């Protein structure tokens, strides 16, 4: 397959995976975005300019995750590899459980889609499988690609995802700590086996989560319970789990976002409040004020809301 364009722009949202009981399955796209501009070069050169998050630490050549994902997609459709110049404007915090690596992977895959002459050859089903090749699991990649809240699963070699409804009164709020935690470290402390009773309990909560998100947000507190991964990670993110405990003691549906250490609270607004998300009052606001008491200690509260559209791409002239 030949290339059909040489410049493109991609926007990808942050994501929060698991949402409590939906371990490695459920995810949600959030209203915080990385923007990547892609330019194919006529010479075998790679340059990556990063502005914002990760500017001091990320590789600037072939090892950059956006470049690796783009190469993976071009190889998949038999398109020629090319030199590339990327400009990455990163807003998603790194190492915080907000899907920064999934955003980079989706950005690279969509960059390849934009460059090839037949972008339909890299449809969403294909991109989700390619993203899972690189990420290992699709729980962040699915909402980053599709937007909204999603459930993702594997079936043989195929990876599939579907969107699920989110009630308009639900407002995701990310409480981001100053410290980072690698996903590999967070996953490394999980046990290889779980008790049958805990698995059955978790399945019930994961089923309830779909109903609570879409039609019964009053059930979100119960629906965000977890027995499989959060408590098991307390030793590597004690402050995050202490915050989850404190918020839940105030009745707030709060969970660890992905592999952490960010905490995600699912606040609710009054029905019919259609103001911009950062102007809405939620039932979690007073609890957050009570817990922090005005002393944030380096934590940031980001009232992000939901990203309904997911990742976007367009060719540039």
Protein backbone atom coordinates (compact mmCIF):
# COMPACT_ATOMS: atom_id res chain seq x y z
CA UNK A 1 0.00 0.00 0.00
CA UNK A 2 1.26 3.47 -0.83
CA UNK A 3 1.12 6.60 1.30
CA UNK A 4 -1.60 9.09 0.43
CA UNK A 5 -0.68 12.08 2.60
CA UNK A 6 2.35 13.50 4.33
CA UNK A 7 0.89 15.61 7.16
CA UNK A 8 -1.77 14.97 9.78
CA UNK A 9 -2.96 16.05 13.18
CA UNK A 10 -4.26 13.70 15.88
CA UNK A 11 -5.98 14.41 19.21
CA UNK A 12 -6.35 11.65 21.83
CA UNK A 13 -8.04 11.83 25.25
CA UNK A 14 -6.83 10.70 28.62
CA UNK A 15 -8.53 7.60 29.98
CA UNK A 16 -9.30 5.94 33.29
CA UNK A 17 -9.40 2.15 33.30
CA UNK A 18 -11.06 -0.40 35.61
CA UNK A 19 -13.56 2.02 37.22
CA UNK A 20 -13.37 -0.19 40.30
CA UNK A 21 -14.63 -3.69 39.47
CA UNK A 22 -14.07 -3.72 35.68
CA UNK A 23 -10.44 -4.82 35.88
CA UNK A 24 -8.73 -4.82 32.46
CA UNK A 25 -12.16 -4.41 30.83
CA UNK A 26 -13.93 -1.14 31.68
CA UNK A 27 -12.62 2.29 30.79
CA UNK A 28 -13.67 5.88 30.32
CA UNK A 29 -12.37 8.68 28.07
CA UNK A 30 -11.72 11.96 29.90
CA UNK A 31 -11.71 15.55 28.76
CA UNK A 32 -7.94 16.04 28.72
CA UNK A 33 -6.04 15.65 25.45
CA UNK A 34 -2.66 15.12 23.84
CA UNK A 35 -2.21 16.63 20.36
CA UNK A 36 0.27 15.18 17.88
CA UNK A 37 1.24 16.63 14.52
CA UNK A 38 2.75 14.11 12.11
CA UNK A 39 4.85 14.97 9.06
CA UNK A 40 6.32 12.32 6.77
CA UNK A 41 9.82 13.11 5.57
CA UNK A 42 11.53 12.26 2.33
CA UNK A 43 14.67 11.18 4.19
CA UNK A 44 15.23 8.38 6.69
CA UNK A 45 15.21 10.61 9.73
CA UNK A 46 13.11 10.68 12.90
CA UNK A 47 12.65 13.73 15.08
CA UNK A 48 10.23 14.05 17.97
CA UNK A 49 9.63 17.40 19.64
CA UNK A 50 7.71 17.18 22.91
CA UNK A 51 6.03 20.11 24.63
CA UNK A 52 4.48 19.66 28.07
CA UNK A 53 4.29 16.36 29.95
CA UNK A 54 7.35 14.18 29.41
CA UNK A 55 9.34 16.85 27.60
CA UNK A 56 12.40 16.15 29.75
CA UNK A 57 12.29 12.35 29.73
CA UNK A 58 10.75 10.95 26.55
CA UNK A 59 12.94 9.62 23.70
CA UNK A 60 13.20 11.80 20.63
CA UNK A 61 13.76 9.09 18.02
CA UNK A 62 12.63 5.61 16.99
CA UNK A 63 12.04 4.55 20.60
CA UNK A 64 9.27 7.09 21.08
CA UNK A 65 6.00 5.21 21.59
CA UNK A 66 4.10 7.23 18.98
CA UNK A 67 6.75 6.36 16.38
CA UNK A 68 6.73 2.67 17.37
CA UNK A 69 2.93 2.51 17.07
CA UNK A 70 3.02 4.22 13.70
CA UNK A 71 5.63 1.76 12.44
CA UNK A 72 3.51 -1.14 13.71
CA UNK A 73 0.45 0.05 11.79
CA UNK A 74 2.35 0.80 8.57
CA UNK A 75 3.90 -2.68 8.68
CA UNK A 76 0.48 -4.22 9.23
CA UNK A 77 -0.92 -2.81 5.97
CA UNK A 78 2.31 -3.18 4.00
CA UNK A 79 2.83 0.56 3.63
CA UNK A 80 6.37 1.90 3.22
CA UNK A 81 8.11 3.17 6.30
CA UNK A 82 9.09 6.81 6.17
CA UNK A 83 11.13 9.38 7.98
CA UNK A 84 8.93 11.34 10.34
CA UNK A 85 8.81 14.54 12.32
CA UNK A 86 6.41 14.58 15.28
CA UNK A 87 5.37 17.52 17.40
CA UNK A 88 3.70 16.20 20.56
CA UNK A 89 1.81 18.61 22.80
CA UNK A 90 1.27 16.48 25.88
CA UNK A 91 -1.22 17.37 28.59
CA UNK A 92 -1.94 13.90 30.01
CA UNK A 93 0.20 13.31 33.12
CA UNK A 94 2.66 10.43 32.77
CA UNK A 95 2.86 7.53 35.21
CA UNK A 96 -0.37 8.54 36.94
CA UNK A 97 -2.93 6.00 35.69
CA UNK A 98 -4.55 8.31 33.15
CA UNK A 99 -3.69 6.37 30.01
CA UNK A 100 -0.74 8.39 28.72
CA UNK A 101 0.84 5.34 27.04
CA UNK A 102 -2.46 4.28 25.45
CA UNK A 103 -2.89 7.84 24.16
CA UNK A 104 0.57 7.69 22.57
CA UNK A 105 -0.19 4.32 20.97
CA UNK A 106 -3.54 5.47 19.58
CA UNK A 107 -1.92 8.69 18.33
CA UNK A 108 0.68 6.70 16.39
CA UNK A 109 -1.87 4.28 14.96
CA UNK A 110 -4.15 7.10 13.85
CA UNK A 111 -1.16 8.96 12.44
CA UNK A 112 -0.52 5.93 10.24
CA UNK A 113 -4.21 5.79 9.26
CA UNK A 114 -4.01 9.42 8.17
CA UNK A 115 -0.89 8.86 6.07
CA UNK A 116 -1.88 5.75 4.12
CA UNK A 117 -3.79 5.99 0.84
CA UNK A 118 -6.56 3.68 2.13
CA UNK A 119 -7.30 4.73 5.73
CA UNK A 120 -10.20 2.26 5.87
CA UNK A 121 -7.60 -0.54 5.97
CA UNK A 122 -6.87 0.64 9.51
CA UNK A 123 -10.40 0.58 10.85
CA UNK A 124 -11.22 0.75 14.55
CA UNK A 125 -11.26 -3.04 15.00
CA UNK A 126 -7.80 -3.31 13.48
CA UNK A 127 -6.43 -0.41 15.51
CA UNK A 128 -7.79 -1.85 18.74
CA UNK A 129 -5.98 -5.14 18.08
CA UNK A 130 -2.75 -3.36 17.13
CA UNK A 131 -3.00 -1.21 20.25
CA UNK A 132 -3.43 -4.31 22.38
CA UNK A 133 -0.31 -5.80 20.76
CA UNK A 134 1.62 -2.85 22.15
CA UNK A 135 -0.28 -2.20 25.40
CA UNK A 136 -1.01 -5.77 26.48
CA UNK A 137 -4.67 -5.07 27.27
CA UNK A 138 -7.35 -2.88 25.66
CA UNK A 139 -9.02 -1.22 28.66
CA UNK A 140 -7.40 2.19 28.04
CA UNK A 141 -7.03 1.94 24.27
CA UNK A 142 -10.74 1.29 23.69
CA UNK A 143 -12.09 4.49 25.31
CA UNK A 144 -9.18 6.52 23.91
CA UNK A 145 -10.15 5.39 20.42
CA UNK A 146 -13.94 5.27 20.70
CA UNK A 147 -14.73 7.86 23.37
CA UNK A 148 -17.23 7.68 26.21
CA UNK A 149 -17.20 4.65 28.49
CA UNK A 150 -16.35 1.27 27.03
CA UNK A 151 -16.11 -2.43 27.75
CA UNK A 152 -13.34 -4.28 25.92
CA UNK A 153 -12.62 -7.99 25.66
CA UNK A 154 -10.58 -10.52 23.70
CA UNK A 155 -12.03 -13.36 21.65
CA UNK A 156 -9.33 -15.57 20.23
CA UNK A 157 -7.00 -13.31 18.29
CA UNK A 158 -9.65 -10.60 17.99
CA UNK A 159 -10.05 -7.69 20.39
CA UNK A 160 -13.48 -6.14 20.62
CA UNK A 161 -15.04 -3.19 22.42
CA UNK A 162 -18.42 -1.59 22.82
CA UNK A 163 -19.52 1.74 24.21
CA UNK A 164 -21.80 1.87 27.22
CA UNK A 165 -24.05 4.72 28.28
CA UNK A 166 -23.04 7.27 30.89
CA UNK A 167 -25.77 9.26 32.63
CA UNK A 168 -25.49 13.01 31.86
CA UNK A 169 -25.29 13.87 35.57
CA UNK A 170 -22.06 11.85 36.08
CA UNK A 171 -18.89 13.98 36.17
CA UNK A 172 -15.50 12.20 36.35
CA UNK A 173 -13.05 14.05 38.60
CA UNK A 174 -9.36 13.07 38.61
CA UNK A 175 -7.36 13.71 41.77
CA UNK A 176 -3.76 13.55 40.59
CA UNK A 177 -0.86 13.06 43.04
CA UNK A 178 2.60 14.58 42.59
CA UNK A 179 4.25 11.14 42.46
CA UNK A 180 4.40 8.66 39.59
CA UNK A 181 3.99 4.90 39.57
CA UNK A 182 4.84 2.62 36.67
CA UNK A 183 2.11 0.30 35.44
CA UNK A 184 4.51 -2.65 35.53
CA UNK A 185 5.26 -2.00 39.20
CA UNK A 186 1.56 -1.66 40.05
CA UNK A 187 0.67 -4.87 38.18
CA UNK A 188 3.64 -6.72 39.67
CA UNK A 189 2.15 -6.74 43.17
CA UNK A 190 -1.11 -8.43 42.10
CA UNK A 191 -1.58 -12.07 43.14
CA UNK A 192 -1.67 -14.79 40.51
CA UNK A 193 -4.90 -16.23 41.93
CA UNK A 194 -7.98 -14.88 43.71
CA UNK A 195 -10.61 -16.56 45.85
CA UNK A 196 -13.72 -17.82 44.07
CA UNK A 197 -15.94 -15.83 46.44
CA UNK A 198 -14.09 -12.62 45.60
CA UNK A 199 -14.36 -13.31 41.86
CA UNK A 200 -18.11 -13.89 42.16
CA UNK A 201 -18.53 -10.73 44.22
CA UNK A 202 -16.53 -8.77 41.65
CA UNK A 203 -18.61 -10.09 38.75
CA UNK A 204 -21.75 -8.82 40.46
CA UNK A 205 -20.28 -5.36 40.98
CA UNK A 206 -18.99 -5.19 37.39
CA UNK A 207 -22.47 -6.03 36.10
CA UNK A 208 -24.02 -3.43 38.38
CA UNK A 209 -21.51 -0.83 37.11
CA UNK A 210 -23.05 -0.86 33.62
CA UNK A 211 -26.53 -0.14 35.04
CA UNK A 212 -25.23 2.48 37.48
CA UNK A 213 -23.27 4.40 34.87
CA UNK A 214 -26.06 4.48 32.35
CA UNK A 215 -29.37 4.64 34.20
CA UNK A 216 -28.92 4.51 37.96
CA UNK A 217 -26.06 6.79 39.08
CA UNK A 218 -27.46 6.57 42.60
CA UNK A 219 -26.01 3.03 42.61
CA UNK A 220 -22.48 4.09 41.69
CA UNK A 221 -21.13 3.81 45.21
CA UNK A 222 -21.97 0.11 45.44
CA UNK A 223 -21.13 -0.46 41.76
CA UNK A 224 -17.55 0.82 42.14
CA UNK A 225 -16.59 -1.65 44.85
CA UNK A 226 -13.53 -3.82 44.23
CA UNK A 227 -11.85 -6.86 45.76
CA UNK A 228 -9.35 -7.88 43.07
CA UNK A 229 -6.75 -5.16 42.60
CA UNK A 230 -7.00 -2.00 44.71
CA UNK A 231 -6.35 -3.27 48.23
CA UNK A 232 -3.61 -5.51 46.83
CA UNK A 233 -1.80 -2.37 45.64
CA UNK A 234 -1.99 -0.44 48.90
CA UNK A 235 1.69 -1.03 49.70
CA UNK A 236 2.82 0.72 46.49
CA UNK A 237 0.31 3.60 46.63
CA UNK A 238 -0.70 4.09 50.27
CA UNK A 239 -1.66 7.75 49.87
CA UNK A 240 -3.97 6.97 46.95
CA UNK A 241 -5.77 4.18 48.79
CA UNK A 242 -6.06 6.39 51.88
CA UNK A 243 -7.74 9.01 49.69
CA UNK A 244 -10.08 6.40 48.20
CA UNK A 245 -10.99 5.30 51.73
CA UNK A 246 -11.56 8.88 52.88
CA UNK A 247 -13.77 9.79 49.93
CA UNK A 248 -15.78 6.59 50.17
CA UNK A 249 -16.30 7.24 53.89
CA UNK A 250 -18.06 10.42 52.73
CA UNK A 251 -20.23 8.40 50.34
CA UNK A 252 -18.32 9.35 47.15
CA UNK A 253 -17.83 6.64 44.47
CA UNK A 254 -14.04 6.79 44.35
CA UNK A 255 -11.59 4.33 42.80
CA UNK A 256 -7.97 4.06 41.77
CA UNK A 257 -7.65 5.25 38.17
CA UNK A 258 -6.12 2.45 36.13
CA UNK A 259 -2.88 1.30 37.73
CA UNK A 260 -2.78 4.50 39.79
CA UNK A 261 -1.77 6.49 41.63
CA UNK A 262 -4.46 8.96 40.45
CA UNK A 263 -7.84 8.63 42.18
CA UNK A 264 -11.03 8.95 40.15
CA UNK A 265 -14.19 10.24 41.79
CA UNK A 266 -17.52 9.97 39.99
CA UNK A 267 -19.41 13.05 41.10
CA UNK A 268 -23.01 13.84 40.20
CA UNK A 269 -24.57 17.16 39.26
CA UNK A 270 -28.16 18.28 39.47
CA UNK A 271 -30.27 17.04 36.53
CA UNK A 272 -30.38 19.55 33.68
CA UNK A 273 -27.13 21.32 34.61
CA UNK A 274 -25.60 21.77 31.16
CA UNK A 275 -22.95 24.33 32.07
CA UNK A 276 -19.31 23.62 31.12
CA UNK A 277 -18.04 20.79 33.27
CA UNK A 278 -15.60 22.95 35.24
CA UNK A 279 -18.50 25.18 36.37
CA UNK A 280 -20.80 22.44 37.60
CA UNK A 281 -21.30 21.69 41.28
CA UNK A 282 -21.17 17.98 42.15
CA UNK A 283 -22.02 15.99 45.23
CA UNK A 284 -18.31 15.14 45.57
CA UNK A 285 -17.15 18.75 45.99
CA UNK A 286 -17.80 19.08 49.72
CA UNK A 287 -16.20 15.72 50.41
CA UNK A 288 -13.06 16.77 48.54
CA UNK A 289 -12.96 20.02 50.53
CA UNK A 290 -13.44 18.15 53.81
CA UNK A 291 -10.76 15.55 53.00
CA UNK A 292 -8.10 18.00 51.86
CA UNK A 293 -9.08 20.89 54.11
CA UNK A 294 -7.55 23.35 51.65
CA UNK A 295 -4.06 21.81 51.96
CA UNK A 296 -3.49 19.94 48.68
CA UNK A 297 0.07 18.74 49.37
CA UNK A 298 0.89 18.68 45.66
CA UNK A 299 -2.33 16.90 44.60
CA UNK A 300 -4.37 18.43 41.78
CA UNK A 301 -8.12 18.16 41.32
CA UNK A 302 -9.05 18.01 37.62
CA UNK A 303 -12.76 18.19 36.89
CA UNK A 304 -12.39 16.62 33.46
CA UNK A 305 -15.79 15.33 32.49
CA UNK A 306 -16.30 12.76 29.77
CA UNK A 307 -14.78 12.84 26.28
CA UNK A 308 -17.67 11.68 24.12
CA UNK A 309 -15.91 11.80 20.75
CA UNK A 310 -12.68 9.97 21.60
CA UNK A 311 -9.64 10.28 19.33
CA UNK A 312 -9.82 12.52 16.27
CA UNK A 313 -7.57 12.76 13.21
CA UNK A 314 -7.39 14.81 10.03
CA UNK A 315 -5.02 15.25 7.18
CA UNK A 316 -3.31 18.60 6.80
CA UNK A 317 -2.55 20.36 3.53
